[in-house]
Amino acid sequence: MVKKIAAFILVGFLSLNLCGCFAVVAGTAGGAGTSFWLSGKLTQEFNASYERTVSAAEKALDSLKLELAKSTKEENVTQLKSKYTDGKEIWIDIRRVTERSSKVEVRVGAIKPDREAADKILKAIQRHL
């Protein structure tokens, strides 16, 4: 098992060197439950269907007492918008990866993104899955 994990990590780092793109490693490691901070967004892949993940995100906002201001749904992408009481905007993007997995990106704050707040929302989504 340790060899498989080491090989997985090595392949990830090699992909990073070959592609020069951190997103490749982030997408690969996301399924393992790790979240990554990219361009002001906290990103994580979940082993849950797209519909189930959208529902969990809506419940997460509700449980954090954050009002859902806008919901834009398409076939494979949903964006939820909300606001903290201090005025910081919240964007949650949910994308279908496969029939059994979804990618969630959370950004809090337009000018100076708040990683801690994004992490709190992402953990709430995970609890509702």
Protein backbone atom coordinates (compact mmCIF):
# COMPACT_ATOMS: atom_id res chain seq x y z
CA MET A 1 0.00 0.00 0.00
CA VAL A 2 2.84 2.37 0.86
CA LYS A 3 4.43 1.69 -2.52
CA LYS A 4 1.17 2.57 -4.29
CA ILE A 5 0.90 5.87 -2.42
CA ALA A 6 4.55 6.70 -3.12
CA ALA A 7 4.04 5.88 -6.81
CA PHE A 8 0.92 8.06 -6.90
CA ILE A 9 2.80 11.00 -5.41
CA LEU A 10 5.75 10.48 -7.76
CA VAL A 11 3.48 10.42 -10.81
CA GLY A 12 1.84 13.62 -9.58
CA PHE A 13 5.16 15.42 -9.23
CA LEU A 14 6.33 14.16 -12.61
CA SER A 15 3.12 15.48 -14.14
CA LEU A 16 3.82 18.82 -12.52
CA ASN A 17 7.30 18.93 -14.06
CA LEU A 18 6.15 17.80 -17.50
CA CYS A 19 3.14 20.06 -17.77
CA GLY A 20 4.27 22.94 -15.62
CA CYS A 21 0.72 23.11 -14.34
CA PHE A 22 -0.23 22.81 -10.68
CA ALA A 23 -3.85 22.14 -11.68
CA VAL A 24 -2.89 18.67 -12.94
CA VAL A 25 -1.64 17.68 -9.50
CA ALA A 26 -4.58 19.40 -7.81
CA GLY A 27 -7.06 17.48 -9.92
CA THR A 28 -5.28 14.20 -9.31
CA ALA A 29 -4.96 14.63 -5.56
CA GLY A 30 -8.46 16.05 -5.12
CA GLY A 31 -10.04 12.61 -5.22
CA ALA A 32 -7.95 11.68 -2.21
CA GLY A 33 -9.73 14.33 -0.15
CA THR A 34 -7.08 17.02 -0.35
CA SER A 35 -8.06 20.59 -1.11
CA PHE A 36 -5.84 23.04 -2.98
CA TRP A 37 -5.67 26.83 -3.04
CA LEU A 38 -5.52 27.95 -6.68
CA SER A 39 -5.99 31.52 -7.92
CA GLY A 40 -7.90 32.54 -4.82
CA LYS A 41 -10.13 29.45 -4.90
CA LEU A 42 -10.13 26.43 -2.65
CA THR A 43 -10.67 23.37 -4.84
CA GLN A 44 -11.54 19.79 -3.95
CA GLU A 45 -12.87 16.78 -5.80
CA PHE A 46 -15.50 14.63 -4.07
CA ASN A 47 -16.54 11.05 -4.71
CA ALA A 48 -20.20 12.03 -4.95
CA SER A 49 -22.55 12.60 -7.86
CA TYR A 50 -22.99 16.09 -9.27
CA GLU A 51 -26.61 16.33 -8.07
CA ARG A 52 -25.71 15.14 -4.57
CA THR A 53 -22.83 17.62 -4.37
CA VAL A 54 -25.04 20.55 -5.44
CA SER A 55 -27.56 19.58 -2.76
CA ALA A 56 -24.80 19.31 -0.14
CA ALA A 57 -23.48 22.78 -1.07
CA GLU A 58 -26.95 24.30 -0.70
CA LYS A 59 -27.37 22.59 2.69
CA ALA A 60 -23.90 23.76 3.74
CA LEU A 61 -24.78 27.39 3.06
CA ASP A 62 -28.03 26.96 4.99
CA SER A 63 -26.26 25.33 7.95
CA LEU A 64 -23.79 28.23 8.08
CA LYS A 65 -26.76 30.65 8.02
CA LEU A 66 -25.65 32.07 4.67
CA GLU A 67 -28.48 33.07 2.36
CA LEU A 68 -28.36 31.70 -1.18
CA ALA A 69 -28.47 34.87 -3.30
CA LYS A 70 -28.28 33.25 -6.74
CA SER A 71 -28.11 29.79 -8.23
CA THR A 72 -27.14 29.26 -11.87
CA LYS A 73 -27.51 25.66 -13.03
CA GLU A 74 -26.48 24.14 -16.32
CA GLU A 75 -26.11 20.51 -17.36
CA ASN A 76 -22.66 19.95 -15.85
CA VAL A 77 -21.95 23.15 -13.90
CA THR A 78 -23.71 24.93 -11.05
CA GLN A 79 -22.67 28.22 -9.48
CA LEU A 80 -24.03 29.29 -6.11
CA LYS A 81 -23.58 32.86 -4.87
CA SER A 82 -23.97 34.14 -1.33
CA LYS A 83 -22.58 36.80 1.02
CA TYR A 84 -21.20 36.91 4.51
CA THR A 85 -22.68 39.48 6.88
CA ASP A 86 -19.46 41.52 6.51
CA GLY A 87 -20.18 41.85 2.78
CA LYS A 88 -17.64 39.34 1.45
CA GLU A 89 -19.04 37.60 -1.60
CA ILE A 90 -19.06 33.82 -1.84
CA TRP A 91 -18.88 31.83 -5.07
CA ILE A 92 -19.24 28.06 -5.14
CA ASP A 93 -18.71 26.35 -8.50
CA ILE A 94 -19.64 22.68 -8.79
CA ARG A 95 -18.65 20.71 -11.88
CA ARG A 96 -19.46 17.16 -12.92
CA VAL A 97 -16.25 15.18 -13.37
CA THR A 98 -17.78 11.72 -13.82
CA GLU A 99 -21.11 10.16 -12.90
CA ARG A 100 -19.71 9.52 -9.41
CA SER A 101 -17.44 12.48 -8.79
CA SER A 102 -17.67 16.27 -8.71
CA LYS A 103 -15.22 19.14 -8.37
CA VAL A 104 -16.05 22.02 -6.03
CA GLU A 105 -14.34 25.43 -6.11
CA VAL A 106 -15.03 27.91 -3.32
CA ARG A 107 -13.94 31.55 -3.33
CA VAL A 108 -14.72 34.06 -0.60
CA GLY A 109 -13.93 37.72 -1.24
CA ALA A 110 -13.35 39.41 -4.58
CA ILE A 111 -10.27 41.52 -3.91
CA LYS A 112 -8.54 39.69 -1.07
CA PRO A 113 -9.75 36.06 -1.04
CA ASP A 114 -10.32 34.56 2.42
CA ARG A 115 -8.91 31.03 2.50
CA GLU A 116 -10.14 30.26 6.02
CA ALA A 117 -13.73 31.17 5.15
CA ALA A 118 -13.54 29.12 1.94
CA ASP A 119 -12.19 26.15 3.92
CA LYS A 120 -15.06 26.44 6.42
CA ILE A 121 -17.60 26.28 3.57
CA LEU A 122 -15.80 23.39 1.86
CA LYS A 123 -15.78 21.41 5.13
CA ALA A 124 -19.50 22.10 5.58
CA ILE A 125 -20.14 20.72 2.08
CA GLN A 126 -18.12 17.63 2.95
CA ARG A 127 -20.17 17.11 6.14
CA HIS A 128 -23.39 17.18 4.11
CA LEU A 129 -22.13 14.56 1.69
